[in-house]
Structures are given as C-alpha cells and as structure tokens.
C-alpha atoms as a PDB file:
ATOM      1  CA  MET A   1      -5.646 -20.128 -16.011  1.00  0.00           C
ATOM      2  CA  GLY A   2      -5.445 -22.205 -13.100  1.00  0.00           C
ATOM      3  CA  PHE A   3      -7.559 -21.260 -10.335  1.00  0.00           C
ATOM      4  CA  LYS A   4     -10.715 -22.833  -8.381  1.00  0.00           C
ATOM      5  CA  LYS A   5     -13.571 -21.132  -6.525  1.00  0.00           C
ATOM      6  CA  THR A   6     -13.263 -21.644  -3.009  1.00  0.00           C
ATOM      7  CA  SER A   7     -16.243 -19.102  -1.762  1.00  0.00           C
ATOM      8  CA  GLU A   8     -19.635 -17.719  -2.882  1.00  0.00           C
ATOM      9  CA  THR A   9     -19.894 -14.327  -4.230  1.00  0.00           C
ATOM     10  CA  ILE A  10     -19.012 -11.585  -1.724  1.00  0.00           C
ATOM     11  CA  ALA A  11     -19.798  -7.626  -1.644  1.00  0.00           C
ATOM     12  CA  ILE A  12     -17.499  -5.628  -0.279  1.00  0.00           C
ATOM     13  CA  SER A  13     -18.453  -2.048   0.639  1.00  0.00           C
ATOM     14  CA  PHE A  14     -16.177   1.176   0.933  1.00  0.00           C
ATOM     15  CA  GLY A  15     -16.659   4.597   1.211  1.00  0.00           C
ATOM     16  CA  VAL A  16     -14.160   7.591   0.752  1.00  0.00           C
ATOM     17  CA  SER A  17     -14.482  10.982   1.496  1.00  0.00           C
ATOM     18  CA  GLU A  18     -12.298  14.011   0.489  1.00  0.00           C
ATOM     19  CA  VAL A  19     -10.960  15.897   3.779  1.00  0.00           C
ATOM     20  CA  ALA A  20     -11.009  19.323   1.902  1.00  0.00           C
ATOM     21  CA  PRO A  21     -12.329  20.485  -1.366  1.00  0.00           C
ATOM     22  CA  ASN A  22     -10.260  18.975  -4.758  1.00  0.00           C
ATOM     23  CA  THR A  23      -7.834  16.679  -2.369  1.00  0.00           C
ATOM     24  CA  PHE A  24      -6.633  13.795  -3.451  1.00  0.00           C
ATOM     25  CA  VAL A  25      -7.361  10.958  -1.192  1.00  0.00           C
ATOM     26  CA  GLN A  26      -6.937   7.486  -1.516  1.00  0.00           C
ATOM     27  CA  ASP A  27      -8.046   4.236   0.770  1.00  0.00           C
ATOM     28  CA  GLU A  28      -6.799   0.561   1.296  1.00  0.00           C
ATOM     29  CA  ILE A  29      -9.224  -2.012   1.497  1.00  0.00           C
ATOM     30  CA  SER A  30      -8.272  -4.996   3.221  1.00  0.00           C
ATOM     31  CA  LEU A  31      -9.250  -8.600   1.409  1.00  0.00           C
ATOM     32  CA  GLN A  32      -7.559 -10.549   4.202  1.00  0.00           C
ATOM     33  CA  LEU A  33      -6.388 -13.479   1.793  1.00  0.00           C
ATOM     34  CA  ASP A  34      -4.512 -16.268   2.593  1.00  0.00           C
ATOM     35  CA  VAL A  35      -1.560 -15.552   0.376  1.00  0.00           C
ATOM     36  CA  LEU A  36       0.637 -18.719   1.909  1.00  0.00           C
ATOM     37  CA  ASN A  37      -2.197 -21.087  -0.004  1.00  0.00           C
ATOM     38  CA  ASN A  38      -2.289 -18.731  -3.254  1.00  0.00           C
ATOM     39  CA  GLU A  39      -5.402 -17.163  -2.668  1.00  0.00           C
ATOM     40  CA  ILE A  40      -6.974 -14.893  -4.679  1.00  0.00           C
ATOM     41  CA  PHE A  41      -9.980 -12.405  -5.110  1.00  0.00           C
ATOM     42  CA  VAL A  42     -11.918 -12.832  -8.381  1.00  0.00           C
ATOM     43  CA  VAL A  43     -13.488  -9.364  -9.188  1.00  0.00           C
ATOM     44  CA  VAL A  44     -16.950 -10.233 -11.094  1.00  0.00           C
ATOM     45  CA  GLY A  45     -18.402  -6.412 -10.590  1.00  0.00           C
ATOM     46  CA  VAL A  46     -17.752  -3.035  -9.246  1.00  0.00           C
ATOM     47  CA  ASP A  47     -20.708  -0.060  -9.007  1.00  0.00           C
ATOM     48  CA  LEU A  48     -19.037   3.303  -7.974  1.00  0.00           C
ATOM     49  CA  ASP A  49     -21.608   6.378  -6.593  1.00  0.00           C
ATOM     50  CA  LEU A  50     -20.065   9.776  -6.962  1.00  0.00           C
ATOM     51  CA  ALA A  51     -21.328  13.181  -5.276  1.00  0.00           C
ATOM     52  CA  ASN A  52     -22.301  15.247  -7.732  1.00  0.00           C
ATOM     53  CA  PRO A  53     -19.603  17.639  -8.686  1.00  0.00           C
ATOM     54  CA  ASP A  54     -20.607  21.615  -7.973  1.00  0.00           C
ATOM     55  CA  ALA A  55     -22.596  23.405 -10.378  1.00  0.00           C
ATOM     56  CA  ILE A  56     -20.604  26.771 -10.445  1.00  0.00           C
ATOM     57  CA  ALA A  57     -21.521  29.509 -13.026  1.00  0.00           C
ATOM     58  CA  GLY A  58     -18.370  29.898 -15.640  1.00  0.00           C
ATOM     59  CA  THR A  59     -16.295  27.206 -13.979  1.00  0.00           C
ATOM     60  CA  ASP A  60     -15.556  23.293 -15.102  1.00  0.00           C
ATOM     61  CA  THR A  61     -16.103  20.893 -12.042  1.00  0.00           C
ATOM     62  CA  ALA A  62     -15.538  17.366 -11.751  1.00  0.00           C
ATOM     63  CA  THR A  63     -15.581  14.282  -9.406  1.00  0.00           C
ATOM     64  CA  ARG A  64     -13.332  11.600 -10.576  1.00  0.00           C
ATOM     65  CA  ALA A  65     -12.972   8.142  -8.663  1.00  0.00           C
ATOM     66  CA  SER A  66     -11.219   4.995  -9.631  1.00  0.00           C
ATOM     67  CA  VAL A  67     -10.500   1.324  -8.053  1.00  0.00           C
ATOM     68  CA  THR A  68      -6.721  -0.307  -8.294  1.00  0.00           C
ATOM     69  CA  SER A  69      -5.238  -3.327  -7.465  1.00  0.00           C
ATOM     70  CA  THR A  70      -2.088  -1.490  -6.162  1.00  0.00           C
ATOM     71  CA  SER A  71      -1.741   2.037  -4.573  1.00  0.00           C
ATOM     72  CA  GLN A  72      -1.939   5.247  -7.153  1.00  0.00           C
ATOM     73  CA  THR A  73      -0.772   8.803  -6.482  1.00  0.00           C
ATOM     74  CA  GLY A  74      -3.254  10.075  -8.734  1.00  0.00           C
ATOM     75  CA  ILE A  75      -6.723   8.869 -10.336  1.00  0.00           C
ATOM     76  CA  SER A  76      -6.268   5.659 -12.605  1.00  0.00           C
ATOM     77  CA  ASN A  77      -8.279   4.940 -15.667  1.00  0.00           C
ATOM     78  CA  LEU A  78      -8.744   1.877 -17.840  1.00  0.00           C
ATOM     79  CA  ALA A  79      -5.769   2.041 -19.825  1.00  0.00           C
ATOM     80  CA  GLN A  80      -3.532   1.239 -16.957  1.00  0.00           C
ATOM     81  CA  THR A  81      -3.338  -2.686 -16.313  1.00  0.00           C
ATOM     82  CA  ASN A  82      -4.245  -2.231 -12.749  1.00  0.00           C
ATOM     83  CA  CYS A  83      -7.385  -0.111 -13.125  1.00  0.00           C
ATOM     84  CA  ILE A  84     -10.317  -2.063 -12.056  1.00  0.00           C
ATOM     85  CA  ALA A  85     -13.310   0.266 -12.568  1.00  0.00           C
ATOM     86  CA  SER A  86     -13.156   4.233 -13.192  1.00  0.00           C
ATOM     87  CA  ALA A  87     -15.684   6.783 -13.265  1.00  0.00           C
ATOM     88  CA  ARG A  88     -16.349  10.508 -13.639  1.00  0.00           C
ATOM     89  CA  ASP A  89     -18.679  13.301 -13.377  1.00  0.00           C
ATOM     90  CA  ALA A  90     -18.147  16.510 -14.594  1.00  0.00           C
ATOM     91  CA  ILE A  91     -20.327  20.144 -15.406  1.00  0.00           C
ATOM     92  CA  ARG A  92     -18.839  22.043 -18.243  1.00  0.00           C
ATOM     93  CA  ALA A  93     -19.533  25.947 -17.516  1.00  0.00           C
ATOM     94  CA  ALA A  94     -16.834  27.594 -18.617  1.00  0.00           C
ATOM     95  CA  GLY A  95     -18.093  30.310 -20.521  1.00  0.00           C
ATOM     96  CA  PHE A  96     -21.596  30.175 -19.220  1.00  0.00           C
ATOM     97  CA  ALA A  97     -23.364  32.515 -17.032  1.00  0.00           C
ATOM     98  CA  ASP A  98     -25.400  29.696 -15.265  1.00  0.00           C
ATOM     99  CA  GLY A  99     -24.306  26.030 -13.754  1.00  0.00           C
ATOM    100  CA  GLY A 100     -23.714  24.319 -17.322  1.00  0.00           C
ATOM    101  CA  VAL A 101     -24.124  21.041 -18.455  1.00  0.00           C
ATOM    102  CA  ALA A 102     -23.729  17.904 -16.820  1.00  0.00           C
ATOM    103  CA  PHE A 103     -21.557  14.909 -17.790  1.00  0.00           C
ATOM    104  CA  ALA A 104     -21.243  11.351 -16.829  1.00  0.00           C
ATOM    105  CA  ARG A 105     -18.556   9.121 -17.966  1.00  0.00           C
ATOM    106  CA  ALA A 106     -18.567   5.644 -16.307  1.00  0.00           C
ATOM    107  CA  ALA A 107     -16.824   2.121 -16.789  1.00  0.00           C
ATOM    108  CA  GLU A 108     -18.252   1.047 -13.192  1.00  0.00           C
ATOM    109  CA  THR A 109     -20.300  -1.209 -14.939  1.00  0.00           C
ATOM    110  CA  THR A 110     -19.641  -4.863 -16.030  1.00  0.00           C
ATOM    111  CA  PRO A 111     -20.404  -6.024 -19.397  1.00  0.00           C
ATOM    112  CA  LEU A 112     -23.015  -8.709 -18.579  1.00  0.00           C
ATOM    113  CA  GLY A 113     -22.965 -12.505 -19.976  1.00  0.00           C
ATOM    114  CA  SER A 114     -19.511 -11.575 -21.973  1.00  0.00           C
ATOM    115  CA  VAL A 115     -16.624 -12.166 -19.287  1.00  0.00           C
ATOM    116  CA  ASP A 116     -16.204 -14.432 -16.673  1.00  0.00           C
ATOM    117  CA  TYR A 117     -14.609 -11.828 -14.400  1.00  0.00           C
ATOM    118  CA  ILE A 118     -13.296  -8.341 -14.824  1.00  0.00           C
ATOM    119  CA  SER A 119     -10.310  -8.836 -12.466  1.00  0.00           C
ATOM    120  CA  LEU A 120      -7.880 -10.724 -10.662  1.00  0.00           C
ATOM    121  CA  ILE A 121      -6.404  -9.493  -6.927  1.00  0.00           C
ATOM    122  CA  ALA A 122      -3.570 -11.492  -6.343  1.00  0.00           C
ATOM    123  CA  THR A 123      -2.186  -8.999  -3.398  1.00  0.00           C
ATOM    124  CA  ASN A 124      -3.937  -9.087  -0.168  1.00  0.00           C
ATOM    125  CA  ASN A 125      -5.855  -5.293  -0.826  1.00  0.00           C
ATOM    126  CA  PHE A 126      -7.419  -3.072  -3.413  1.00  0.00           C
ATOM    127  CA  PHE A 127      -7.236   0.683  -3.170  1.00  0.00           C
ATOM    128  CA  VAL A 128     -10.230   3.221  -3.850  1.00  0.00           C
ATOM    129  CA  GLN A 129      -8.962   6.955  -5.283  1.00  0.00           C
ATOM    130  CA  LEU A 130     -11.090  10.249  -5.193  1.00  0.00           C
ATOM    131  CA  LEU A 131     -10.416  13.398  -6.550  1.00  0.00           C
ATOM    132  CA  GLY A 132     -13.018  16.868  -7.215  1.00  0.00           C
ATOM    133  CA  THR A 133     -11.933  19.665  -9.119  1.00  0.00           C
ATOM    134  CA  ALA A 134     -12.746  23.305  -8.820  1.00  0.00           C
ATOM    135  CA  ASN A 135     -15.646  22.196  -6.473  1.00  0.00           C
ATOM    136  CA  LEU A 136     -16.834  24.193  -3.337  1.00  0.00           C
ATOM    137  CA  ALA A 137     -17.320  21.450  -0.998  1.00  0.00           C
ATOM    138  CA  PRO A 138     -15.564  18.122  -0.179  1.00  0.00           C
ATOM    139  CA  LYS A 139     -16.746  15.359  -2.234  1.00  0.00           C
ATOM    140  CA  SER A 140     -17.550  11.656  -1.601  1.00  0.00           C
ATOM    141  CA  LEU A 141     -17.449   8.087  -3.067  1.00  0.00           C
ATOM    142  CA  GLU A 142     -19.088   5.008  -2.123  1.00  0.00           C
ATOM    143  CA  GLY A 143     -18.896   1.774  -3.870  1.00  0.00           C
ATOM    144  CA  ARG A 144     -19.541  -1.979  -3.512  1.00  0.00           C
ATOM    145  CA  MET A 145     -17.242  -4.888  -5.563  1.00  0.00           C
ATOM    146  CA  TRP A 146     -18.558  -8.200  -5.926  1.00  0.00           C
ATOM    147  CA  GLY A 147     -16.368 -11.244  -6.190  1.00  0.00           C
ATOM    148  CA  TYR A 148     -15.279 -14.794  -5.020  1.00  0.00           C
ATOM    149  CA  ARG A 149     -12.015 -16.312  -3.344  1.00  0.00           C
ATOM    150  CA  ALA A 150     -10.078 -18.655  -5.258  1.00  0.00           C
ATOM    151  CA  ARG A 151      -7.122 -20.898  -4.872  1.00  0.00           C
ATOM    152  CA  ALA A 152      -4.837 -20.297  -7.505  1.00  0.00           C
ATOM    153  CA  ASP A 153      -2.134 -23.000  -9.045  1.00  0.00           C
ATOM    154  CA  ALA A 154       1.784 -21.653  -8.110  1.00  0.00           C
ATOM    155  CA  SER A 155       2.774 -20.657 -11.314  1.00  0.00           C
ATOM    156  CA  THR A 156      -0.514 -18.876 -12.140  1.00  0.00           C
ATOM    157  CA  TYR A 157      -0.257 -16.962  -8.670  1.00  0.00           C
ATOM    158  CA  ALA A 158       3.319 -16.072  -9.158  1.00  0.00           C
ATOM    159  CA  ALA A 159       2.107 -14.915 -12.570  1.00  0.00           C
ATOM    160  CA  LEU A 160      -0.342 -12.780 -11.013  1.00  0.00           C
ATOM    161  CA  VAL A 161       1.671 -11.353  -8.050  1.00  0.00           C
ATOM    162  CA  GLN A 162       4.294 -10.427 -10.588  1.00  0.00           C
ATOM    163  CA  SER A 163       1.812  -8.558 -12.738  1.00  0.00           C
ATOM    164  CA  GLU A 164       0.308  -7.050 -10.294  1.00  0.00           C
ATOM    165  CA  VAL A 165       3.419  -5.656  -8.725  1.00  0.00           C
ATOM    166  CA  LEU A 166       5.493  -4.303 -11.802  1.00  0.00           C
ATOM    167  CA  SER A 167       2.380  -2.479 -12.862  1.00  0.00           C
ATOM    168  CA  ALA A 168       2.425  -0.837 -10.120  1.00  0.00           C
END
C-alpha cells in the first residue's frame, strides 16, 4: 500500500442524538482532506458510547450505532465494506414482567498490536448513524475516532476512492 504519514495522531470527537424516539439519524463529519494532493485519513481506533436503551417490562429495546466512510440509510454492520465501527446495546424483556436482561455487542474497539490501521478514508468525510428501537425517549451517541493524515500515491488514492464510492 503506497501512503506516507503526514501528521501526528488526531482525535476527532463527535456526537449525534435522535430528534424523536426510534428515529434514524445520521451526521456527516468533515475531515477537510486535501484531495488535490491525494490526502487520506488512516483510522487507528474508534470508541463509541451509546445511551442505554429503556428498560420497559415486556418490551425488547435497543440502541444501535455505526461509523461509515459513506452515507447510509440505516445502521451498518461489519459485514459491510464501508463500516468502520458498530455498536449495539439491547435489553431483552419480551415475555418478562420486569425490565428484562441487558446485552451489549461492541465492535468499536481496535485489536491491540495486531493491525497497523482499521480503515482508510479517501473521501472528505465520514458518517455516524444512530437508531433506537422501541424506546420511550430519544437516544444519543458520543464517540471519538483516532487517526492520522497521510498522502497516498496516485494509483493507491484512485483505488481507495473507487472502492469507497462503489461500496456506498
């Protein structure tokens, strides 16, 4: 892969909130990359902090989120090429008289020491998605992405942009 690091590690914080309970919301975060000089963003870590789903007797609830390199119409998962990170908190209460049992599934952590990076972003932004399920109150997500700027050679940059656009 032909790219050269041009900055130190940068932390980009973000947050998004539902405007009404159980309503899909997406926010676009600008990276302000220098596309004329084939600048890319090399993602080395992501941390997602979801609001807890509501504990409602007899009702399954959830809060789900994803971070992607392209715009989405729903929550993404790691099976999709453009998904950088995803997280899900759920409470399973269907059939219970109380608030149920909580479950968390997280892919927002980075394998330590085993990979050089977790994603490459070649376009000028990334996207954060959030969706609650069967909650009474709107949910929120706060997160942080760590990475650095790099300059890719022409063929690597073209392949990365094409891959990102085609996986949208």
